[in-house]
């Protein structure tokens, strides 16, 4: 009987834990999406569309990566 009770407690705890993870992930996802949008806008503002100049694309990418790092996100 003790083993069955332990299983019930473990399953209940697991379901409770997994019920909160998607909510937290959704909040992180919204924050990340907002950060991505902000950093893309910043990169385009600092380096507008250059046509085909590779140097501008590299600089734009560097601005985007720096912005993401400043906001605690991976690029």
N, C-alpha and C. Protein backbone atom coordinates (compact mmCIF):
# COMPACT_ATOMS: atom_id res chain seq x y z
N UNK A 1 0.82 -1.19 0.00
CA UNK A 1 0.00 0.00 0.00
C UNK A 1 0.87 1.26 0.00
N UNK A 2 1.98 1.22 0.70
CA UNK A 2 2.88 2.37 0.76
C UNK A 2 3.42 2.72 -0.63
N UNK A 3 3.73 1.71 -1.43
CA UNK A 3 4.25 1.92 -2.77
C UNK A 3 3.20 2.58 -3.65
N UNK A 4 1.96 2.15 -3.54
CA UNK A 4 0.89 2.74 -4.34
C UNK A 4 0.68 4.20 -3.97
N UNK A 5 0.73 4.52 -2.69
CA UNK A 5 0.57 5.90 -2.26
C UNK A 5 1.72 6.77 -2.77
N UNK A 6 2.92 6.23 -2.74
CA UNK A 6 4.08 6.97 -3.23
C UNK A 6 3.94 7.24 -4.73
N UNK A 7 3.42 6.29 -5.46
CA UNK A 7 3.21 6.47 -6.91
C UNK A 7 2.18 7.56 -7.16
N UNK A 8 1.12 7.56 -6.38
CA UNK A 8 0.08 8.58 -6.55
C UNK A 8 0.65 9.97 -6.28
N UNK A 9 1.44 10.08 -5.23
CA UNK A 9 2.06 11.37 -4.90
C UNK A 9 3.01 11.79 -6.02
N UNK A 10 3.81 10.88 -6.51
CA UNK A 10 4.76 11.20 -7.58
C UNK A 10 4.04 11.62 -8.86
N UNK A 11 3.00 10.91 -9.22
CA UNK A 11 2.24 11.25 -10.43
C UNK A 11 1.56 12.61 -10.27
N UNK A 12 0.97 12.85 -9.11
CA UNK A 12 0.31 14.13 -8.86
C UNK A 12 1.31 15.28 -8.93
N UNK A 13 2.47 15.09 -8.32
CA UNK A 13 3.51 16.11 -8.35
C UNK A 13 3.97 16.35 -9.79
N UNK A 14 4.16 15.29 -10.54
CA UNK A 14 4.60 15.41 -11.93
C UNK A 14 3.59 16.16 -12.78
N UNK A 15 2.32 15.83 -12.62
CA UNK A 15 1.29 16.52 -13.39
C UNK A 15 1.20 18.00 -13.00
N UNK A 16 1.36 18.28 -11.74
CA UNK A 16 1.34 19.67 -11.28
C UNK A 16 2.52 20.44 -11.86
N UNK A 17 3.69 19.84 -11.82
CA UNK A 17 4.89 20.48 -12.35
C UNK A 17 4.75 20.74 -13.84
N UNK A 18 4.32 19.75 -14.60
CA UNK A 18 4.21 19.91 -16.04
C UNK A 18 3.09 20.86 -16.41
N UNK A 19 2.13 21.05 -15.54
CA UNK A 19 1.07 22.01 -15.81
C UNK A 19 1.56 23.44 -15.75
N UNK A 20 2.63 23.71 -14.99
CA UNK A 20 3.15 25.06 -14.86
C UNK A 20 4.24 25.38 -15.88
N UNK A 21 4.91 24.41 -16.39
CA UNK A 21 6.01 24.64 -17.32
C UNK A 21 5.54 25.28 -18.62
N UNK A 22 4.47 24.78 -19.27
CA UNK A 22 4.05 25.44 -20.51
C UNK A 22 3.65 26.91 -20.31
N UNK A 23 3.05 27.23 -19.17
CA UNK A 23 2.66 28.62 -18.89
C UNK A 23 3.91 29.49 -18.80
N UNK A 24 4.91 29.03 -18.09
CA UNK A 24 6.16 29.78 -17.96
C UNK A 24 6.86 29.90 -19.31
N UNK A 25 6.84 28.83 -20.08
CA UNK A 25 7.47 28.86 -21.41
C UNK A 25 6.75 29.84 -22.32
N UNK A 26 5.43 29.91 -22.20
CA UNK A 26 4.67 30.84 -23.02
C UNK A 26 5.01 32.28 -22.67
N UNK A 27 5.20 32.56 -21.39
CA UNK A 27 5.58 33.91 -20.97
C UNK A 27 6.97 34.25 -21.49
N UNK A 28 7.90 33.30 -21.41
CA UNK A 28 9.25 33.52 -21.92
C UNK A 28 9.22 33.72 -23.43
N UNK A 29 8.36 32.97 -24.10
CA UNK A 29 8.24 33.08 -25.55
C UNK A 29 7.75 34.46 -25.96
N UNK A 30 6.77 35.00 -25.23
CA UNK A 30 6.27 36.34 -25.55
C UNK A 30 7.36 37.38 -25.33
N UNK A 31 8.11 37.23 -24.26
CA UNK A 31 9.21 38.17 -23.97
C UNK A 31 10.27 38.06 -25.06
N UNK A 32 10.61 36.84 -25.43
CA UNK A 32 11.62 36.63 -26.46
C UNK A 32 11.16 37.20 -27.80
N UNK A 33 9.90 36.95 -28.15
CA UNK A 33 9.37 37.48 -29.42
C UNK A 33 9.44 39.00 -29.44
N UNK A 34 9.10 39.63 -28.33
CA UNK A 34 9.16 41.10 -28.25
C UNK A 34 10.61 41.58 -28.38
N UNK A 35 11.53 40.86 -27.76
CA UNK A 35 12.95 41.24 -27.84
C UNK A 35 13.46 41.08 -29.26
N UNK A 36 13.10 40.00 -29.92
CA UNK A 36 13.52 39.78 -31.30
C UNK A 36 13.01 40.91 -32.19
N UNK A 37 11.74 41.25 -32.02
CA UNK A 37 11.15 42.32 -32.83
C UNK A 37 11.88 43.64 -32.60
N UNK A 38 12.17 43.94 -31.33
CA UNK A 38 12.86 45.17 -30.97
C UNK A 38 14.27 45.20 -31.57
N UNK A 39 14.97 44.08 -31.50
CA UNK A 39 16.35 44.02 -31.99
C UNK A 39 16.42 44.07 -33.51
N UNK A 40 15.47 43.46 -34.18
CA UNK A 40 15.43 43.55 -35.64
C UNK A 40 15.20 44.99 -36.06
N UNK A 41 14.25 45.65 -35.39
CA UNK A 41 13.97 47.05 -35.71
C UNK A 41 15.20 47.93 -35.48
N UNK A 42 15.90 47.67 -34.39
CA UNK A 42 17.11 48.45 -34.08
C UNK A 42 18.18 48.24 -35.15
N UNK A 43 18.38 46.97 -35.55
CA UNK A 43 19.39 46.67 -36.57
C UNK A 43 19.05 47.33 -37.90
N UNK A 44 17.78 47.30 -38.27
CA UNK A 44 17.37 47.93 -39.53
C UNK A 44 17.44 49.45 -39.45
N UNK A 45 17.19 50.00 -38.27
CA UNK A 45 17.27 51.46 -38.10
C UNK A 45 18.73 51.92 -38.21
N UNK A 46 19.63 51.17 -37.59
CA UNK A 46 21.05 51.56 -37.62
C UNK A 46 21.71 51.28 -38.97
N UNK A 47 21.25 50.23 -39.64
CA UNK A 47 21.80 49.87 -40.95
C UNK A 47 20.65 49.59 -41.90
N UNK A 48 20.10 50.64 -42.53
CA UNK A 48 18.99 50.45 -43.46
C UNK A 48 19.40 49.57 -44.65
N UNK A 49 18.42 49.13 -45.40
CA UNK A 49 18.65 48.21 -46.52
C UNK A 49 19.74 48.73 -47.45
N UNK A 50 20.86 48.02 -47.51
CA UNK A 50 22.01 48.50 -48.28
C UNK A 50 22.07 47.99 -49.71
N UNK A 51 21.06 47.31 -50.16
CA UNK A 51 21.15 46.68 -51.47
C UNK A 51 21.87 45.35 -51.32
N UNK A 52 23.06 45.24 -51.89
CA UNK A 52 23.79 43.98 -51.80
C UNK A 52 25.14 44.14 -51.09
N UNK A 53 25.31 45.16 -50.32
CA UNK A 53 26.59 45.39 -49.64
C UNK A 53 26.70 44.44 -48.44
N UNK A 54 27.60 43.49 -48.55
CA UNK A 54 27.77 42.46 -47.51
C UNK A 54 28.22 43.06 -46.18
N UNK A 55 28.98 44.11 -46.23
CA UNK A 55 29.47 44.75 -45.01
C UNK A 55 28.31 45.24 -44.15
N UNK A 56 27.28 45.81 -44.79
CA UNK A 56 26.11 46.27 -44.05
C UNK A 56 25.36 45.11 -43.42
N UNK A 57 25.24 44.01 -44.13
CA UNK A 57 24.55 42.84 -43.57
C UNK A 57 25.29 42.30 -42.35
N UNK A 58 26.60 42.29 -42.43
CA UNK A 58 27.39 41.82 -41.27
C UNK A 58 27.24 42.78 -40.09
N UNK A 59 27.27 44.07 -40.36
CA UNK A 59 27.10 45.05 -39.30
C UNK A 59 25.70 44.96 -38.70
N UNK A 60 24.69 44.77 -39.55
CA UNK A 60 23.31 44.63 -39.08
C UNK A 60 23.18 43.40 -38.18
N UNK A 61 23.82 42.31 -38.58
CA UNK A 61 23.80 41.09 -37.78
C UNK A 61 24.48 41.31 -36.43
N UNK A 62 25.58 42.03 -36.45
CA UNK A 62 26.30 42.31 -35.19
C UNK A 62 25.43 43.15 -34.25
N UNK A 63 24.71 44.12 -34.79
CA UNK A 63 23.83 44.96 -33.97
C UNK A 63 22.72 44.09 -33.37
N UNK A 64 22.14 43.22 -34.19
CA UNK A 64 21.07 42.33 -33.71
C UNK A 64 21.58 41.43 -32.58
N UNK A 65 22.74 40.81 -32.78
CA UNK A 65 23.30 39.92 -31.76
C UNK A 65 23.61 40.67 -30.47
N UNK A 66 24.16 41.86 -30.60
CA UNK A 66 24.48 42.66 -29.42
C UNK A 66 23.21 43.05 -28.66
N UNK A 67 22.19 43.42 -29.39
CA UNK A 67 20.92 43.78 -28.77
C UNK A 67 20.31 42.59 -28.02
N UNK A 68 20.34 41.43 -28.64
CA UNK A 68 19.80 40.23 -27.99
C UNK A 68 20.58 39.93 -26.71
N UNK A 69 21.91 40.04 -26.77
CA UNK A 69 22.74 39.78 -25.59
C UNK A 69 22.45 40.80 -24.49
N UNK A 70 22.26 42.06 -24.86
CA UNK A 70 21.95 43.11 -23.89
C UNK A 70 20.64 42.81 -23.16
N UNK A 71 19.74 42.13 -23.85
CA UNK A 71 18.44 41.80 -23.26
C UNK A 71 18.39 40.40 -22.67
N UNK A 72 19.54 39.76 -22.55
CA UNK A 72 19.62 38.46 -21.90
C UNK A 72 19.08 37.31 -22.70
N UNK A 73 19.06 37.45 -24.01
CA UNK A 73 18.55 36.39 -24.89
C UNK A 73 19.67 35.88 -25.80
N UNK A 74 19.54 34.66 -26.23
CA UNK A 74 20.46 34.11 -27.23
C UNK A 74 20.01 34.60 -28.59
N UNK A 75 20.95 34.97 -29.47
CA UNK A 75 20.57 35.46 -30.81
C UNK A 75 19.88 34.41 -31.66
